[in-house]
Amino acid sequence: MSLKEKIKHAFAVDSEQIPCPNSVVSESIDEICSFLIKKRLEVPIEFAIESSKPLGFISSQAMHMLTPLASILLNVERWRQLALYLEHRRAPDYFLNRIATMRSFFDLHGRLPKSGELDMWISKNKTKHFHDKKEQ
């Protein structure tokens, strides 16, 4: 490997695409979002996430370090999978999108979505908006 290739590889960054979490991580994030919306804490949490985005990888490593303590109260496998997901640079964006979407659902329906209901609502609304733009 030439010096030029080594330098090019050293400064490579992840893609700009938001990583898609697996079902366990998605369920965990939905539970966290539901709790935050019930307590009306979505705005302070959004501010905290936005301001700490550069520390995302460090936060995930802290979660790995705290795994033994978390195992006392929480499901260890879910904790580990969430920590692995948060290692991605764009993972906070998924979390922020999920909070905003769940808040929109809550404002429209006056309740939090049941398991799987939010994803169905998202796909239904995307289709509706697509048809509205197509007809115009």
C-alpha atoms as a PDB file:
ATOM      1  CA  MET A   1       0.000   0.000   0.000  1.00  0.00           C
ATOM      2  CA  SER A   2       1.470   3.325  -1.041  1.00  0.00           C
ATOM      3  CA  LEU A   3       1.710   6.345   1.249  1.00  0.00           C
ATOM      4  CA  LYS A   4      -1.005   8.114  -0.737  1.00  0.00           C
ATOM      5  CA  GLU A   5      -3.430   5.188  -0.233  1.00  0.00           C
ATOM      6  CA  LYS A   6      -2.616   5.019   3.476  1.00  0.00           C
ATOM      7  CA  ILE A   7      -3.354   8.721   3.934  1.00  0.00           C
ATOM      8  CA  LYS A   8      -6.552   8.473   1.905  1.00  0.00           C
ATOM      9  CA  HIS A   9      -7.720   5.578   4.074  1.00  0.00           C
ATOM     10  CA  ALA A  10      -6.738   7.371   7.311  1.00  0.00           C
ATOM     11  CA  PHE A  11      -9.150  10.218   6.676  1.00  0.00           C
ATOM     12  CA  ALA A  12     -12.073   8.173   5.355  1.00  0.00           C
ATOM     13  CA  VAL A  13     -15.442   8.728   7.014  1.00  0.00           C
ATOM     14  CA  ASP A  14     -18.584   6.650   7.144  1.00  0.00           C
ATOM     15  CA  SER A  15     -21.306   7.125   4.580  1.00  0.00           C
ATOM     16  CA  GLU A  16     -23.890   9.837   5.128  1.00  0.00           C
ATOM     17  CA  GLN A  17     -26.681   7.269   5.180  1.00  0.00           C
ATOM     18  CA  ILE A  18     -28.392   6.688   8.532  1.00  0.00           C
ATOM     19  CA  PRO A  19     -27.753   3.067   9.560  1.00  0.00           C
ATOM     20  CA  CYS A  20     -30.856   0.913   9.836  1.00  0.00           C
ATOM     21  CA  PRO A  21     -31.051  -0.722  13.275  1.00  0.00           C
ATOM     22  CA  ASN A  22     -32.075  -4.323  13.816  1.00  0.00           C
ATOM     23  CA  SER A  23     -35.433  -5.112  15.430  1.00  0.00           C
ATOM     24  CA  VAL A  24     -34.011  -5.326  18.969  1.00  0.00           C
ATOM     25  CA  VAL A  25     -32.333  -1.924  18.738  1.00  0.00           C
ATOM     26  CA  SER A  26     -35.359  -0.360  17.050  1.00  0.00           C
ATOM     27  CA  GLU A  27     -37.615  -1.686  19.811  1.00  0.00           C
ATOM     28  CA  SER A  28     -35.252  -0.338  22.475  1.00  0.00           C
ATOM     29  CA  ILE A  29     -35.136   3.085  20.860  1.00  0.00           C
ATOM     30  CA  ASP A  30     -38.939   3.127  20.566  1.00  0.00           C
ATOM     31  CA  GLU A  31     -39.277   2.325  24.272  1.00  0.00           C
ATOM     32  CA  ILE A  32     -36.873   5.137  25.158  1.00  0.00           C
ATOM     33  CA  CYS A  33     -38.728   7.564  22.865  1.00  0.00           C
ATOM     34  CA  SER A  34     -42.100   6.570  24.364  1.00  0.00           C
ATOM     35  CA  PHE A  35     -40.801   7.205  27.870  1.00  0.00           C
ATOM     36  CA  LEU A  36     -39.390  10.602  26.853  1.00  0.00           C
ATOM     37  CA  ILE A  37     -42.609  11.696  25.164  1.00  0.00           C
ATOM     38  CA  LYS A  38     -44.738  10.567  28.141  1.00  0.00           C
ATOM     39  CA  LYS A  39     -42.557  12.735  30.389  1.00  0.00           C
ATOM     40  CA  ARG A  40     -42.509  15.602  27.850  1.00  0.00           C
ATOM     41  CA  LEU A  41     -38.693  15.503  27.694  1.00  0.00           C
ATOM     42  CA  GLU A  42     -38.257  15.310  23.935  1.00  0.00           C
ATOM     43  CA  VAL A  43     -36.974  18.888  23.530  1.00  0.00           C
ATOM     44  CA  PRO A  44     -34.252  18.703  26.212  1.00  0.00           C
ATOM     45  CA  ILE A  45     -33.192  15.288  24.908  1.00  0.00           C
ATOM     46  CA  GLU A  46     -33.052  16.543  21.314  1.00  0.00           C
ATOM     47  CA  PHE A  47     -30.871  19.416  22.500  1.00  0.00           C
ATOM     48  CA  ALA A  48     -28.613  17.044  24.446  1.00  0.00           C
ATOM     49  CA  ILE A  49     -28.273  14.641  21.498  1.00  0.00           C
ATOM     50  CA  GLU A  50     -27.538  17.415  19.005  1.00  0.00           C
ATOM     51  CA  SER A  51     -24.927  18.983  21.263  1.00  0.00           C
ATOM     52  CA  SER A  52     -23.218  15.686  22.038  1.00  0.00           C
ATOM     53  CA  LYS A  53     -23.132  14.199  18.515  1.00  0.00           C
ATOM     54  CA  PRO A  54     -19.331  14.455  18.312  1.00  0.00           C
ATOM     55  CA  LEU A  55     -19.108  12.313  21.451  1.00  0.00           C
ATOM     56  CA  GLY A  56     -21.354   9.544  20.121  1.00  0.00           C
ATOM     57  CA  PHE A  57     -18.634   6.940  19.756  1.00  0.00           C
ATOM     58  CA  ILE A  58     -17.263   7.739  23.195  1.00  0.00           C
ATOM     59  CA  SER A  59     -20.764   7.355  24.640  1.00  0.00           C
ATOM     60  CA  SER A  60     -21.107   3.924  23.066  1.00  0.00           C
ATOM     61  CA  GLN A  61     -17.760   2.913  24.536  1.00  0.00           C
ATOM     62  CA  ALA A  62     -18.928   4.137  27.944  1.00  0.00           C
ATOM     63  CA  MET A  63     -21.991   1.903  27.532  1.00  0.00           C
ATOM     64  CA  HIS A  64     -19.696  -1.056  26.863  1.00  0.00           C
ATOM     65  CA  MET A  65     -17.725  -0.193  29.979  1.00  0.00           C
ATOM     66  CA  LEU A  66     -20.899   0.022  32.084  1.00  0.00           C
ATOM     67  CA  THR A  67     -22.297  -3.288  30.808  1.00  0.00           C
ATOM     68  CA  PRO A  68     -21.554  -5.178  34.049  1.00  0.00           C
ATOM     69  CA  LEU A  69     -23.477  -2.599  36.085  1.00  0.00           C
ATOM     70  CA  ALA A  70     -26.314  -2.397  33.565  1.00  0.00           C
ATOM     71  CA  SER A  71     -26.687  -6.175  33.665  1.00  0.00           C
ATOM     72  CA  ILE A  72     -28.067  -5.869  37.186  1.00  0.00           C
ATOM     73  CA  LEU A  73     -31.119  -3.906  36.034  1.00  0.00           C
ATOM     74  CA  LEU A  74     -31.397  -4.298  32.275  1.00  0.00           C
ATOM     75  CA  ASN A  75     -31.376  -6.931  29.555  1.00  0.00           C
ATOM     76  CA  VAL A  76     -27.667  -7.246  28.732  1.00  0.00           C
ATOM     77  CA  GLU A  77     -28.107  -8.326  25.113  1.00  0.00           C
ATOM     78  CA  ARG A  78     -30.333  -5.341  24.304  1.00  0.00           C
ATOM     79  CA  TRP A  79     -27.844  -3.047  26.067  1.00  0.00           C
ATOM     80  CA  ARG A  80     -24.923  -4.437  24.026  1.00  0.00           C
ATOM     81  CA  GLN A  81     -26.771  -4.217  20.721  1.00  0.00           C
ATOM     82  CA  LEU A  82     -27.780  -0.621  21.440  1.00  0.00           C
ATOM     83  CA  ALA A  83     -24.166   0.232  22.320  1.00  0.00           C
ATOM     84  CA  LEU A  84     -22.968  -1.368  19.062  1.00  0.00           C
ATOM     85  CA  TYR A  85     -25.542   0.603  17.079  1.00  0.00           C
ATOM     86  CA  LEU A  86     -24.552   3.879  18.735  1.00  0.00           C
ATOM     87  CA  GLU A  87     -20.983   3.394  17.476  1.00  0.00           C
ATOM     88  CA  HIS A  88     -22.207   4.528  14.041  1.00  0.00           C
ATOM     89  CA  ARG A  89     -21.649   8.205  13.381  1.00  0.00           C
ATOM     90  CA  ARG A  90     -25.210   8.818  12.125  1.00  0.00           C
ATOM     91  CA  ALA A  91     -27.024   6.782  14.809  1.00  0.00           C
ATOM     92  CA  PRO A  92     -28.106   9.909  16.748  1.00  0.00           C
ATOM     93  CA  ASP A  93     -29.947  11.084  13.625  1.00  0.00           C
ATOM     94  CA  TYR A  94     -32.081   7.932  13.654  1.00  0.00           C
ATOM     95  CA  PHE A  95     -32.859   8.550  17.323  1.00  0.00           C
ATOM     96  CA  LEU A  96     -33.827  12.191  16.611  1.00  0.00           C
ATOM     97  CA  ASN A  97     -35.994  11.179  13.631  1.00  0.00           C
ATOM     98  CA  ARG A  98     -37.747   8.562  15.729  1.00  0.00           C
ATOM     99  CA  ILE A  99     -38.489  11.066  18.514  1.00  0.00           C
ATOM    100  CA  ALA A 100     -39.894  13.585  16.014  1.00  0.00           C
ATOM    101  CA  THR A 101     -42.015  10.964  14.257  1.00  0.00           C
ATOM    102  CA  MET A 102     -43.381   9.544  17.483  1.00  0.00           C
ATOM    103  CA  ARG A 103     -44.159  13.057  18.708  1.00  0.00           C
ATOM    104  CA  SER A 104     -46.076  13.771  15.464  1.00  0.00           C
ATOM    105  CA  PHE A 105     -48.046  10.555  15.942  1.00  0.00           C
ATOM    106  CA  PHE A 106     -48.779  11.542  19.541  1.00  0.00           C
ATOM    107  CA  ASP A 107     -49.937  15.036  18.531  1.00  0.00           C
ATOM    108  CA  LEU A 108     -52.215  13.638  15.820  1.00  0.00           C
ATOM    109  CA  HIS A 109     -53.734  10.694  17.719  1.00  0.00           C
ATOM    110  CA  GLY A 110     -53.418  11.808  21.343  1.00  0.00           C
ATOM    111  CA  ARG A 111     -51.679   8.576  22.338  1.00  0.00           C
ATOM    112  CA  LEU A 112     -48.411   6.759  21.883  1.00  0.00           C
ATOM    113  CA  PRO A 113     -48.202   4.158  19.107  1.00  0.00           C
ATOM    114  CA  LYS A 114     -48.442   0.465  19.883  1.00  0.00           C
ATOM    115  CA  SER A 115     -45.690  -1.920  18.834  1.00  0.00           C
ATOM    116  CA  GLY A 116     -45.271  -1.805  15.038  1.00  0.00           C
ATOM    117  CA  GLU A 117     -47.964   0.826  14.602  1.00  0.00           C
ATOM    118  CA  LEU A 118     -45.517   3.692  14.085  1.00  0.00           C
ATOM    119  CA  ASP A 119     -43.798   2.021  11.128  1.00  0.00           C
ATOM    120  CA  MET A 120     -47.160   1.314   9.479  1.00  0.00           C
ATOM    121  CA  TRP A 121     -48.182   4.944  10.022  1.00  0.00           C
ATOM    122  CA  ILE A 122     -44.917   6.182   8.496  1.00  0.00           C
ATOM    123  CA  SER A 123     -45.275   4.032   5.383  1.00  0.00           C
ATOM    124  CA  LYS A 124     -48.938   5.040   4.995  1.00  0.00           C
ATOM    125  CA  ASN A 125     -48.126   8.748   5.243  1.00  0.00           C
ATOM    126  CA  LYS A 126     -45.191   8.513   2.823  1.00  0.00           C
ATOM    127  CA  THR A 127     -47.475   6.880   0.265  1.00  0.00           C
ATOM    128  CA  LYS A 128     -50.163   9.513   0.836  1.00  0.00           C
ATOM    129  CA  HIS A 129     -47.720  12.384   0.404  1.00  0.00           C
ATOM    130  CA  PHE A 130     -46.303  10.780  -2.721  1.00  0.00           C
ATOM    131  CA  HIS A 131     -49.775  10.527  -4.293  1.00  0.00           C
ATOM    132  CA  ASP A 132     -50.612  14.107  -3.295  1.00  0.00           C
ATOM    133  CA  LYS A 133     -47.488  15.419  -5.061  1.00  0.00           C
ATOM    134  CA  LYS A 134     -48.138  13.221  -8.088  1.00  0.00           C
ATOM    135  CA  GLU A 135     -51.692  14.551  -8.557  1.00  0.00           C
ATOM    136  CA  GLN A 136     -50.606  18.211  -8.448  1.00  0.00           C
END
